[in-house]
């Protein structure tokens, strides 16, 4: 059962197209599946948004429920991967290993918790073939020229997730029209591989899976026929999630597949869609080279996950200044660890992960903490920890990103100058450090420093 001390959780369900109460199938084990990366390049800032939303959701659910099983897959077989490996002159497995580790590295820097289970598509080909065989046996899929295709017309509620009719979806989408398809909307479950393409032996010949069957197989393998939440970016709503839902429900009649669908809004860059052609496409690594991780996290949390988020370097710097103030409040308030999470923060997060409202409630706590209110500082710290903030001490925050040894050397030189009564040199050192953004504070126990 959910902890009665906290408010009831409500989440927007993309299928119902409304916010509704979240009621897990098994309150003792909440089960979640989020679509992970296709590992052919470093993750970009748009990819980060869904991963961060999942992180906040899982953190919240683990506060509310005794157990959460979180699965996030890695797509390591895909035509984009094959093309990139060929372009690089690189072995496919070497490419996927390198880019998967880079993805993990970026998410660790942002304190995004790893999933409980991270299945890779290439490790579950047998599971995919089992589902394909089920679909053929029950009349929802057919073989054609080395392909296996899902027959969309045989599934009456196809389109219910994205809220569009099949004919409208086909007219508005780039659907491959192939002579072996019975209907233009039929999608591939299995396709033949050429000798240079990755492939596995199957009853339909050597080939590789379609994208959609991968997630159906991996979610079924680790979460069962029905689970609680399926999430990802809103660009996955159609065709990926629509097709997942169709094939999974047809594999297991009477199941629910995902009882709640959660989709994350688009990321813009200075008001425009982020793209390489516009020159505003940035990887997570680029952002982390220009800023500590926490301002990037705070910037994303400042927008509701379903809204469009407009990224800019100026907004990232503004988020950093906000964190300076919050860390200063923690420094002055001397918080106690393991305090209760403030009710205002829990109320906001339990209302469809309203992170902007949760962030806004931190500022009154910071105001009080700046005046030495330890309870407020303790609440601020507890709230930040739930949101994945305040991962370092205030001292470390204010001394990060600078050459500490060089500063300490100048402080010792200033001390020596003061002892020899060379006050001009001591003042010059203080001014030099101040010009570099370093503030000195002299006290009974000596001189300390921080970034201004």
Foldseek 3Di string as FASTA:
>chain_A
DWDPVFDFFWAQFLLVRGIDTADWPDLQEAEEEEEAEAQQAFAFPFRVLQLLVVQLVVLLSVNTGVYYAYEYEYELADVSLLVSCVVVVHDSVVRRVVRVVNNVVLCVLLVRDDGPYYYYLVVQVVLLQVLLVLCVVLVQWDDFPLWIWGDVVVQVCQCSSVVDDPVVPLVPDDFDDDPRDPDSSIDTQWHADDPSGDWDQDPSGTTDGDPQSSSLSVCCVPPNLEGEEYEYAPVCSPPRVSVNQRSSCSSPPPYDHYPGYYHFYGEAEPPHHADVVVVRIGGSVVVCVVDRNQLSLQQSLLDQRRDYRYDYPVSSVVSLVVVLLLLLLLVQQVEDEPDDADNQLSVCCSHNHNSNSNVVVLVVLSVVSNVRNHNSSNNSVVSQVSSSPPPDHSLCSFPPPDDVVVLVVLQVVLVVCVVVVVVVSNVVSQVVVVVVQKHWDQDPVGIDIGGD
